[in-house]
């Protein structure tokens, strides 16, 4: 019983639950916004992404990042943001679409990731650079994944939109290519 109590009270577990819930609620919101019928399987896939992959993965990432770049000065925060944007952010963007396709049972698991990861990453830079700068400057390390989940609620709504809307993805990618 102490083991279960220990797991339930751990920062890792609470962060995973919070992020998984954030993704599930984001998908519910998108279904409501688009007037779609309630799709429990889609909501569950988003929850799995947040609970199993994104929440725990970022929890571990932040522990490593804080070990190698301790402190919360502006210079340190900028180093953390830069390191994150060139390492794990592209990974998470690509993996999100690959995992969703896998959970959907698609035979071409990487097809959607190949199409949508780059435009999603590029758009994400404008959102996550300021969000993560605040995270690394102001948020104590044990609450960084919770902050990520709260900011991620906004981002998860965008990911849900990117996941469901191929025309939107192509338009965004065209805009990025034309203006970039």
N, C-alpha and C. Protein backbone atom coordinates (compact mmCIF):
# COMPACT_ATOMS: atom_id res chain seq x y z
N UNK A 1 0.81 -1.19 0.00
CA UNK A 1 0.00 0.00 0.00
C UNK A 1 0.86 1.26 0.00
N UNK A 2 2.02 1.21 0.70
CA UNK A 2 2.92 2.36 0.72
C UNK A 2 3.49 2.65 -0.66
N UNK A 3 3.70 1.60 -1.46
CA UNK A 3 4.22 1.79 -2.81
C UNK A 3 3.21 2.56 -3.65
N UNK A 4 1.96 2.15 -3.58
CA UNK A 4 0.90 2.83 -4.34
C UNK A 4 0.76 4.27 -3.86
N UNK A 5 0.77 4.48 -2.56
CA UNK A 5 0.67 5.84 -2.02
C UNK A 5 1.86 6.69 -2.49
N UNK A 6 3.04 6.06 -2.52
CA UNK A 6 4.23 6.77 -2.99
C UNK A 6 4.12 7.16 -4.45
N UNK A 7 3.60 6.26 -5.29
CA UNK A 7 3.43 6.56 -6.71
C UNK A 7 2.41 7.68 -6.89
N UNK A 8 1.27 7.57 -6.21
CA UNK A 8 0.21 8.56 -6.37
C UNK A 8 0.62 9.95 -5.88
N UNK A 9 1.55 10.00 -4.93
CA UNK A 9 1.96 11.30 -4.40
C UNK A 9 3.23 11.85 -5.09
N UNK A 10 3.78 11.09 -6.02
CA UNK A 10 5.02 11.54 -6.67
C UNK A 10 4.75 12.67 -7.65
N UNK A 11 5.75 13.54 -7.80
CA UNK A 11 5.65 14.63 -8.77
C UNK A 11 5.49 14.08 -10.19
N UNK A 12 6.20 13.01 -10.50
CA UNK A 12 6.11 12.42 -11.83
C UNK A 12 4.67 12.01 -12.14
N UNK A 13 4.03 11.29 -11.23
CA UNK A 13 2.67 10.83 -11.46
C UNK A 13 1.70 12.00 -11.56
N UNK A 14 1.79 12.95 -10.64
CA UNK A 14 0.88 14.10 -10.68
C UNK A 14 1.07 14.91 -11.95
N UNK A 15 2.32 15.08 -12.38
CA UNK A 15 2.57 15.80 -13.62
C UNK A 15 1.99 15.05 -14.82
N UNK A 16 2.17 13.73 -14.85
CA UNK A 16 1.64 12.93 -15.95
C UNK A 16 0.12 13.02 -16.01
N UNK A 17 -0.53 12.94 -14.87
CA UNK A 17 -1.99 13.04 -14.81
C UNK A 17 -2.45 14.41 -15.29
N UNK A 18 -1.77 15.45 -14.83
CA UNK A 18 -2.15 16.81 -15.22
C UNK A 18 -2.01 17.01 -16.72
N UNK A 19 -0.88 16.58 -17.29
CA UNK A 19 -0.65 16.77 -18.73
C UNK A 19 -1.60 15.89 -19.54
N UNK A 20 -1.79 14.66 -19.12
CA UNK A 20 -2.75 13.79 -19.81
C UNK A 20 -4.15 14.36 -19.80
N UNK A 21 -4.55 14.90 -18.66
CA UNK A 21 -5.88 15.54 -18.56
C UNK A 21 -5.97 16.76 -19.45
N UNK A 22 -4.91 17.53 -19.49
CA UNK A 22 -4.88 18.73 -20.33
C UNK A 22 -5.10 18.39 -21.80
N UNK A 23 -4.45 17.35 -22.26
CA UNK A 23 -4.62 16.93 -23.66
C UNK A 23 -6.03 16.39 -23.90
N UNK A 24 -6.55 15.62 -22.97
CA UNK A 24 -7.91 15.09 -23.12
C UNK A 24 -8.93 16.22 -23.15
N UNK A 25 -8.79 17.18 -22.26
CA UNK A 25 -9.73 18.31 -22.22
C UNK A 25 -9.60 19.16 -23.48
N UNK A 26 -8.39 19.32 -23.98
CA UNK A 26 -8.20 20.06 -25.22
C UNK A 26 -8.93 19.40 -26.38
N UNK A 27 -8.85 18.09 -26.45
CA UNK A 27 -9.56 17.37 -27.52
C UNK A 27 -11.06 17.52 -27.36
N UNK A 28 -11.55 17.45 -26.11
CA UNK A 28 -12.99 17.68 -25.87
C UNK A 28 -13.40 19.08 -26.36
N UNK A 29 -12.57 20.06 -26.05
CA UNK A 29 -12.87 21.43 -26.47
C UNK A 29 -12.91 21.54 -27.99
N UNK A 30 -11.97 20.91 -28.66
CA UNK A 30 -11.95 20.96 -30.12
C UNK A 30 -13.18 20.28 -30.72
N UNK A 31 -13.60 19.17 -30.13
CA UNK A 31 -14.80 18.50 -30.62
C UNK A 31 -16.02 19.40 -30.46
N UNK A 32 -16.09 20.10 -29.36
CA UNK A 32 -17.20 21.02 -29.11
C UNK A 32 -17.15 22.19 -30.09
N UNK A 33 -15.95 22.79 -30.27
CA UNK A 33 -15.79 23.94 -31.17
C UNK A 33 -16.20 23.57 -32.60
N UNK A 34 -15.82 22.38 -33.05
CA UNK A 34 -16.12 21.95 -34.41
C UNK A 34 -17.49 21.29 -34.54
N UNK A 35 -18.23 21.21 -33.45
CA UNK A 35 -19.56 20.63 -33.49
C UNK A 35 -19.56 19.15 -33.81
N UNK A 36 -18.50 18.47 -33.45
CA UNK A 36 -18.38 17.03 -33.70
C UNK A 36 -19.05 16.25 -32.59
N UNK A 37 -19.44 15.03 -32.92
CA UNK A 37 -19.99 14.18 -31.87
C UNK A 37 -18.85 13.74 -30.96
N UNK A 38 -19.19 13.40 -29.74
CA UNK A 38 -18.20 13.01 -28.72
C UNK A 38 -17.44 11.77 -29.19
N UNK A 39 -16.14 11.87 -29.36
CA UNK A 39 -15.29 10.78 -29.82
C UNK A 39 -14.36 10.37 -28.67
N UNK A 40 -14.82 9.40 -27.89
CA UNK A 40 -14.09 8.95 -26.72
C UNK A 40 -12.72 8.38 -27.08
N UNK A 41 -12.63 7.67 -28.18
CA UNK A 41 -11.35 7.09 -28.58
C UNK A 41 -10.32 8.17 -28.89
N UNK A 42 -10.73 9.22 -29.56
CA UNK A 42 -9.80 10.31 -29.87
C UNK A 42 -9.36 11.00 -28.58
N UNK A 43 -10.29 11.21 -27.67
CA UNK A 43 -9.96 11.82 -26.37
C UNK A 43 -8.98 10.93 -25.61
N UNK A 44 -9.22 9.65 -25.62
CA UNK A 44 -8.34 8.70 -24.93
C UNK A 44 -6.94 8.70 -25.55
N UNK A 45 -6.85 8.78 -26.87
CA UNK A 45 -5.53 8.82 -27.52
C UNK A 45 -4.75 10.07 -27.09
N UNK A 46 -5.44 11.19 -26.98
CA UNK A 46 -4.77 12.41 -26.52
C UNK A 46 -4.34 12.28 -25.06
N UNK A 47 -5.20 11.68 -24.24
CA UNK A 47 -4.85 11.47 -22.84
C UNK A 47 -3.63 10.56 -22.71
N UNK A 48 -3.60 9.50 -23.50
CA UNK A 48 -2.46 8.58 -23.48
C UNK A 48 -1.19 9.32 -23.86
N UNK A 49 -1.27 10.16 -24.89
CA UNK A 49 -0.09 10.94 -25.30
C UNK A 49 0.44 11.75 -24.13
N UNK A 50 -0.43 12.47 -23.46
CA UNK A 50 0.01 13.33 -22.35
C UNK A 50 0.46 12.54 -21.13
N UNK A 51 -0.29 11.48 -20.79
CA UNK A 51 -0.01 10.73 -19.57
C UNK A 51 1.19 9.80 -19.72
N UNK A 52 1.31 9.13 -20.84
CA UNK A 52 2.35 8.12 -21.00
C UNK A 52 3.64 8.69 -21.59
N UNK A 53 3.51 9.63 -22.52
CA UNK A 53 4.69 10.11 -23.25
C UNK A 53 5.13 11.51 -22.83
N UNK A 54 4.29 12.49 -23.09
CA UNK A 54 4.69 13.88 -22.98
C UNK A 54 4.94 14.33 -21.53
N UNK A 55 4.05 14.00 -20.62
CA UNK A 55 4.23 14.38 -19.22
C UNK A 55 5.47 13.76 -18.60
N UNK A 56 5.57 12.42 -18.59
CA UNK A 56 6.76 11.79 -18.01
C UNK A 56 8.05 12.15 -18.76
N UNK A 57 7.97 12.24 -20.07
CA UNK A 57 9.16 12.57 -20.84
C UNK A 57 9.71 13.94 -20.50
N UNK A 58 8.82 14.91 -20.36
CA UNK A 58 9.26 16.25 -20.00
C UNK A 58 9.70 16.34 -18.55
N UNK A 59 9.09 15.56 -17.69
CA UNK A 59 9.52 15.52 -16.30
C UNK A 59 10.99 15.11 -16.23
N UNK A 60 11.33 14.03 -16.94
CA UNK A 60 12.71 13.57 -16.98
C UNK A 60 13.63 14.58 -17.66
N UNK A 61 13.16 15.17 -18.75
CA UNK A 61 13.95 16.16 -19.47
C UNK A 61 14.31 17.34 -18.58
N UNK A 62 13.33 17.85 -17.84
CA UNK A 62 13.59 19.00 -16.97
C UNK A 62 14.55 18.66 -15.84
N UNK A 63 14.49 17.44 -15.34
CA UNK A 63 15.45 17.04 -14.30
C UNK A 63 16.87 17.05 -14.86
N UNK A 64 17.03 16.52 -16.07
CA UNK A 64 18.36 16.51 -16.71
C UNK A 64 18.81 17.94 -17.01
N UNK A 65 17.91 18.72 -17.56
CA UNK A 65 18.23 20.11 -17.92
C UNK A 65 18.66 20.91 -16.69
N UNK A 66 17.93 20.76 -15.59
CA UNK A 66 18.28 21.48 -14.36
C UNK A 66 19.58 20.99 -13.74
N UNK A 67 19.91 19.74 -13.97
CA UNK A 67 21.18 19.21 -13.45
C UNK A 67 22.36 19.82 -14.21
N UNK A 68 22.23 19.93 -15.52
CA UNK A 68 23.34 20.45 -16.34
C UNK A 68 23.36 21.96 -16.46
N UNK A 69 22.20 22.59 -16.30
CA UNK A 69 22.11 24.05 -16.36
C UNK A 69 21.32 24.55 -15.14
N UNK A 70 21.92 24.51 -13.96
CA UNK A 70 21.18 24.93 -12.76
C UNK A 70 20.97 26.44 -12.75
N UNK A 71 19.94 26.84 -12.03
CA UNK A 71 19.68 28.27 -11.84
C UNK A 71 18.56 28.78 -12.73
N UNK A 72 18.20 30.04 -12.46
CA UNK A 72 17.12 30.63 -13.22
C UNK A 72 17.42 32.07 -13.63
N UNK A 73 18.68 32.33 -13.97
CA UNK A 73 19.02 33.65 -14.49
C UNK A 73 18.52 33.75 -15.93
N UNK A 74 18.47 34.95 -16.46
CA UNK A 74 18.03 35.14 -17.84
C UNK A 74 18.95 34.36 -18.79
N UNK A 75 20.25 34.43 -18.56
CA UNK A 75 21.20 33.73 -19.42
C UNK A 75 20.97 32.21 -19.38
N UNK A 76 20.78 31.67 -18.19
CA UNK A 76 20.54 30.23 -18.05
C UNK A 76 19.21 29.85 -18.69
N UNK A 77 18.18 30.66 -18.47
CA UNK A 77 16.87 30.38 -19.07
C UNK A 77 16.96 30.35 -20.59
N UNK A 78 17.68 31.29 -21.16
CA UNK A 78 17.82 31.33 -22.62
C UNK A 78 18.59 30.12 -23.14
N UNK A 79 19.59 29.67 -22.40
CA UNK A 79 20.33 28.47 -22.78
C UNK A 79 19.39 27.25 -22.77
N UNK A 80 18.57 27.16 -21.72
CA UNK A 80 17.63 26.04 -21.61
C UNK A 80 16.63 26.06 -22.76
N UNK A 81 16.10 27.24 -23.06
CA UNK A 81 15.13 27.35 -24.16
C UNK A 81 15.79 26.95 -25.47
N UNK A 82 16.96 27.47 -25.74
CA UNK A 82 17.66 27.14 -26.98
C UNK A 82 17.93 25.64 -27.07
N UNK A 83 18.45 25.07 -26.00
CA UNK A 83 18.73 23.64 -26.00
C UNK A 83 17.46 22.82 -26.23
N UNK A 84 16.39 23.23 -25.58
CA UNK A 84 15.12 22.52 -25.76
C UNK A 84 14.62 22.62 -27.20
N UNK A 85 14.72 23.80 -27.78
CA UNK A 85 14.19 24.02 -29.13
C UNK A 85 14.98 23.27 -30.20
N UNK A 86 16.25 23.00 -29.96
CA UNK A 86 17.03 22.29 -30.97
C UNK A 86 17.13 20.79 -30.70
N UNK A 87 16.62 20.33 -29.56
CA UNK A 87 16.72 18.90 -29.25
C UNK A 87 15.33 18.27 -29.10
N UNK A 88 14.70 18.45 -27.95
CA UNK A 88 13.47 17.71 -27.68
C UNK A 88 12.23 18.26 -28.38
N UNK A 89 12.18 19.53 -28.68
CA UNK A 89 10.99 20.07 -29.34
C UNK A 89 10.72 19.44 -30.70
N UNK A 90 11.72 19.35 -31.58
CA UNK A 90 11.45 18.65 -32.85
C UNK A 90 11.04 17.19 -32.63
N UNK A 91 11.69 16.56 -31.66
CA UNK A 91 11.34 15.17 -31.33
C UNK A 91 9.88 15.05 -30.91
N UNK A 92 9.43 15.93 -30.00
CA UNK A 92 8.05 15.87 -29.52
C UNK A 92 7.05 16.15 -30.64
N UNK A 93 7.35 17.12 -31.50
CA UNK A 93 6.43 17.41 -32.60
C UNK A 93 6.26 16.20 -33.51
N UNK A 94 7.36 15.59 -33.86
CA UNK A 94 7.31 14.43 -34.76
C UNK A 94 6.64 13.24 -34.07
N UNK A 95 7.05 13.01 -32.83
CA UNK A 95 6.55 11.85 -32.10
C UNK A 95 5.05 11.95 -31.82
N UNK A 96 4.55 13.16 -31.57
CA UNK A 96 3.11 13.34 -31.34
C UNK A 96 2.30 12.73 -32.49
N UNK A 97 2.62 13.11 -33.71
CA UNK A 97 1.85 12.62 -34.85
C UNK A 97 2.09 11.13 -35.09
N UNK A 98 3.31 10.66 -34.88
CA UNK A 98 3.61 9.24 -35.06
C UNK A 98 2.86 8.38 -34.03
N UNK A 99 2.88 8.82 -32.78
CA UNK A 99 2.18 8.06 -31.72
C UNK A 99 0.67 8.08 -31.97
N UNK A 100 0.12 9.22 -32.35
CA UNK A 100 -1.31 9.27 -32.64
C UNK A 100 -1.67 8.31 -33.77
N UNK A 101 -0.86 8.30 -34.83
CA UNK A 101 -1.12 7.38 -35.96
C UNK A 101 -1.02 5.93 -35.50
N UNK A 102 -0.05 5.64 -34.66
CA UNK A 102 0.10 4.29 -34.13
C UNK A 102 -1.12 3.89 -33.30
N UNK A 103 -1.56 4.79 -32.44
CA UNK A 103 -2.73 4.51 -31.60
C UNK A 103 -4.01 4.38 -32.44
N UNK A 104 -4.04 5.06 -33.57
CA UNK A 104 -5.19 4.96 -34.48
C UNK A 104 -5.16 3.68 -35.31
N UNK A 105 -4.04 2.97 -35.27
CA UNK A 105 -3.90 1.74 -36.03
C UNK A 105 -3.61 1.95 -37.50
N UNK A 106 -3.08 3.10 -37.85
CA UNK A 106 -2.76 3.38 -39.25
C UNK A 106 -1.57 2.53 -39.69
N UNK A 107 -1.59 2.12 -40.95
CA UNK A 107 -0.47 1.32 -41.46
C UNK A 107 0.73 2.21 -41.78
N UNK A 108 0.50 3.43 -42.20
CA UNK A 108 1.57 4.39 -42.50
C UNK A 108 1.77 5.29 -41.28
N UNK A 109 2.44 4.78 -40.27
CA UNK A 109 2.56 5.48 -38.99
C UNK A 109 3.30 6.82 -39.12
N UNK A 110 4.27 6.91 -40.02
CA UNK A 110 5.07 8.13 -40.12
C UNK A 110 4.57 9.13 -41.16
N UNK A 111 3.59 8.76 -41.93
CA UNK A 111 3.11 9.62 -43.01
C UNK A 111 2.63 10.97 -42.50
N UNK A 112 1.75 10.97 -41.52
CA UNK A 112 1.22 12.22 -40.98
C UNK A 112 2.32 13.02 -40.27
N UNK A 113 3.20 12.34 -39.58
CA UNK A 113 4.32 13.02 -38.91
C UNK A 113 5.20 13.71 -39.93
N UNK A 114 5.47 13.05 -41.04
CA UNK A 114 6.29 13.65 -42.10
C UNK A 114 5.63 14.90 -42.67
N UNK A 115 4.32 14.89 -42.75
CA UNK A 115 3.58 16.02 -43.33
C UNK A 115 3.42 17.18 -42.35
N UNK A 116 3.15 16.88 -41.08
CA UNK A 116 2.71 17.92 -40.15
C UNK A 116 3.74 18.36 -39.11
N UNK A 117 4.77 17.58 -38.87
CA UNK A 117 5.69 17.91 -37.78
C UNK A 117 6.44 19.22 -38.02
N UNK A 118 6.95 19.45 -39.21
CA UNK A 118 7.72 20.66 -39.46
C UNK A 118 6.87 21.93 -39.32
N UNK A 119 5.70 22.02 -39.98
CA UNK A 119 4.91 23.25 -39.76
C UNK A 119 4.47 23.43 -38.32
N UNK A 120 4.20 22.34 -37.64
CA UNK A 120 3.81 22.42 -36.23
C UNK A 120 4.98 22.95 -35.39
N UNK A 121 6.17 22.44 -35.64
CA UNK A 121 7.35 22.89 -34.92
C UNK A 121 7.61 24.38 -35.16
N UNK A 122 7.53 24.81 -36.41
CA UNK A 122 7.80 26.21 -36.75
C UNK A 122 6.81 27.14 -36.05
N UNK A 123 5.55 26.80 -36.08
CA UNK A 123 4.54 27.62 -35.39
C UNK A 123 4.78 27.57 -33.89
N UNK A 124 5.15 26.40 -33.41
CA UNK A 124 5.40 26.23 -31.98
C UNK A 124 6.49 27.13 -31.44
N UNK A 125 7.47 27.46 -32.27
CA UNK A 125 8.54 28.34 -31.81
C UNK A 125 8.00 29.68 -31.31
N UNK A 126 7.02 30.23 -32.01
CA UNK A 126 6.48 31.53 -31.61
C UNK A 126 5.68 31.44 -30.31
N UNK A 127 5.18 30.28 -30.00
CA UNK A 127 4.43 30.10 -28.75
C UNK A 127 5.35 29.68 -27.60
N UNK A 128 6.19 28.68 -27.88
CA UNK A 128 6.94 28.05 -26.79
C UNK A 128 8.18 28.81 -26.35
N UNK A 129 8.80 29.59 -27.22
CA UNK A 129 9.98 30.33 -26.77
C UNK A 129 9.62 31.29 -25.64
N UNK A 130 8.59 32.14 -25.79
CA UNK A 130 8.23 32.99 -24.64
C UNK A 130 7.68 32.19 -23.45
N UNK A 131 6.87 31.16 -23.74
CA UNK A 131 6.29 30.37 -22.65
C UNK A 131 7.38 29.66 -21.84
N UNK A 132 8.35 29.08 -22.52
CA UNK A 132 9.40 28.37 -21.81
C UNK A 132 10.40 29.32 -21.15
N UNK A 133 10.59 30.48 -21.70
CA UNK A 133 11.45 31.47 -21.04
C UNK A 133 10.87 31.81 -19.67
N UNK A 134 9.56 32.06 -19.62
CA UNK A 134 8.90 32.31 -18.34
C UNK A 134 9.00 31.10 -17.42
N UNK A 135 8.83 29.93 -17.98
CA UNK A 135 8.91 28.69 -17.21
C UNK A 135 10.28 28.57 -16.52
N UNK A 136 11.35 28.74 -17.27
CA UNK A 136 12.69 28.57 -16.73
C UNK A 136 13.11 29.71 -15.81
N UNK A 137 12.52 30.88 -16.00
CA UNK A 137 12.86 32.02 -15.14
C UNK A 137 12.09 32.03 -13.82
N UNK A 138 10.82 31.67 -13.85
CA UNK A 138 9.94 31.93 -12.72
C UNK A 138 9.38 30.70 -12.00
N UNK A 139 9.35 29.56 -12.65
CA UNK A 139 8.65 28.41 -12.08
C UNK A 139 9.64 27.47 -11.39
N UNK A 140 9.40 27.10 -10.12
CA UNK A 140 10.26 26.12 -9.45
C UNK A 140 10.26 24.80 -10.22
N UNK A 141 11.38 24.11 -10.24
CA UNK A 141 11.53 22.92 -11.08
C UNK A 141 10.47 21.86 -10.85
N UNK A 142 9.99 21.70 -9.62
CA UNK A 142 9.01 20.64 -9.36
C UNK A 142 7.65 20.97 -9.99
N UNK A 143 7.42 22.22 -10.37
CA UNK A 143 6.15 22.61 -10.98
C UNK A 143 6.27 22.91 -12.47
N UNK A 144 7.42 22.67 -13.05
CA UNK A 144 7.61 23.02 -14.46
C UNK A 144 6.72 22.21 -15.38
N UNK A 145 6.52 20.95 -15.11
CA UNK A 145 5.67 20.14 -15.97
C UNK A 145 4.20 20.56 -15.79
N UNK A 146 3.83 20.96 -14.59
CA UNK A 146 2.46 21.46 -14.39
C UNK A 146 2.28 22.75 -15.18
N UNK A 147 3.25 23.64 -15.12
CA UNK A 147 3.19 24.86 -15.93
C UNK A 147 3.12 24.48 -17.41
N UNK A 148 3.95 23.52 -17.81
CA UNK A 148 3.93 23.05 -19.18
C UNK A 148 2.53 22.55 -19.55
N UNK A 149 1.89 21.85 -18.62
CA UNK A 149 0.53 21.36 -18.88
C UNK A 149 -0.47 22.48 -19.04
N UNK A 150 -0.32 23.53 -18.22
CA UNK A 150 -1.24 24.67 -18.33
C UNK A 150 -1.03 25.42 -19.64
N UNK A 151 0.23 25.75 -19.94
CA UNK A 151 0.52 26.38 -21.23
C UNK A 151 0.21 25.40 -22.35
N UNK A 152 0.46 24.16 -22.07
CA UNK A 152 0.20 23.12 -23.05
C UNK A 152 -1.26 22.95 -23.39
N UNK A 153 -2.16 23.39 -22.51
CA UNK A 153 -3.58 23.32 -22.83
C UNK A 153 -3.86 24.15 -24.08
N UNK A 154 -3.28 25.32 -24.15
CA UNK A 154 -3.42 26.16 -25.33
C UNK A 154 -2.77 25.46 -26.52
N UNK A 155 -1.55 24.97 -26.31
CA UNK A 155 -0.82 24.29 -27.38
C UNK A 155 -1.53 23.02 -27.81
N UNK A 156 -2.07 22.27 -26.86
CA UNK A 156 -2.76 21.02 -27.19
C UNK A 156 -3.98 21.29 -28.05
N UNK A 157 -4.66 22.40 -27.81
CA UNK A 157 -5.79 22.76 -28.68
C UNK A 157 -5.29 22.98 -30.10
N UNK A 158 -4.15 23.62 -30.25
CA UNK A 158 -3.57 23.81 -31.57
C UNK A 158 -3.19 22.46 -32.19
N UNK A 159 -2.57 21.57 -31.40
CA UNK A 159 -2.20 20.25 -31.92
C UNK A 159 -3.44 19.46 -32.35
N UNK A 160 -4.49 19.56 -31.57
CA UNK A 160 -5.74 18.87 -31.95
C UNK A 160 -6.25 19.41 -33.28
N UNK A 161 -6.14 20.71 -33.46
CA UNK A 161 -6.54 21.33 -34.71
C UNK A 161 -5.65 20.83 -35.86
N UNK A 162 -4.34 20.81 -35.65
CA UNK A 162 -3.42 20.32 -36.68
C UNK A 162 -3.69 18.85 -37.00
N UNK A 163 -4.00 18.07 -35.99
CA UNK A 163 -4.23 16.64 -36.17
C UNK A 163 -5.45 16.39 -37.04
N UNK A 164 -6.50 17.16 -36.86
CA UNK A 164 -7.76 16.88 -37.54
C UNK A 164 -7.89 17.60 -38.87
N UNK A 165 -7.05 18.57 -39.17
CA UNK A 165 -7.35 19.43 -40.29
C UNK A 165 -6.18 19.50 -41.28
N UNK A 166 -6.23 18.68 -42.30
CA UNK A 166 -5.15 18.67 -43.30
C UNK A 166 -5.11 19.96 -44.12
N UNK A 167 -6.25 20.54 -44.44
CA UNK A 167 -6.27 21.78 -45.21
C UNK A 167 -5.60 22.90 -44.42
N UNK A 168 -5.87 22.97 -43.12
CA UNK A 168 -5.25 23.98 -42.27
C UNK A 168 -3.74 23.79 -42.23
N UNK A 169 -3.31 22.55 -42.10
CA UNK A 169 -1.87 22.26 -42.05
C UNK A 169 -1.19 22.71 -43.33
N UNK A 170 -1.78 22.40 -44.48
CA UNK A 170 -1.18 22.81 -45.76
C UNK A 170 -1.13 24.32 -45.89
N UNK A 171 -2.18 25.03 -45.43
CA UNK A 171 -2.20 26.48 -45.49
C UNK A 171 -1.11 27.07 -44.59
N UNK A 172 -0.99 26.57 -43.39
CA UNK A 172 0.03 27.04 -42.46
C UNK A 172 1.42 26.81 -43.05
N UNK A 173 1.62 25.63 -43.62
CA UNK A 173 2.94 25.32 -44.20
C UNK A 173 3.24 26.26 -45.36
N UNK A 174 2.26 26.54 -46.22
CA UNK A 174 2.46 27.47 -47.33
C UNK A 174 2.82 28.85 -46.82
N UNK A 175 2.13 29.30 -45.77
CA UNK A 175 2.44 30.61 -45.20
C UNK A 175 3.85 30.65 -44.66
N UNK A 176 4.28 29.60 -43.99
CA UNK A 176 5.63 29.53 -43.44
C UNK A 176 6.67 29.56 -44.56
N UNK A 177 6.42 28.84 -45.63
CA UNK A 177 7.37 28.77 -46.74
C UNK A 177 7.43 30.14 -47.46
N UNK A 178 6.25 30.75 -47.67
CA UNK A 178 6.20 32.03 -48.39
C UNK A 178 6.83 33.17 -47.59
N UNK A 179 6.62 33.18 -46.28
CA UNK A 179 7.14 34.27 -45.46
C UNK A 179 8.54 33.99 -44.94
N UNK A 180 8.92 32.72 -44.92
CA UNK A 180 10.22 32.32 -44.36
C UNK A 180 11.29 32.49 -45.35
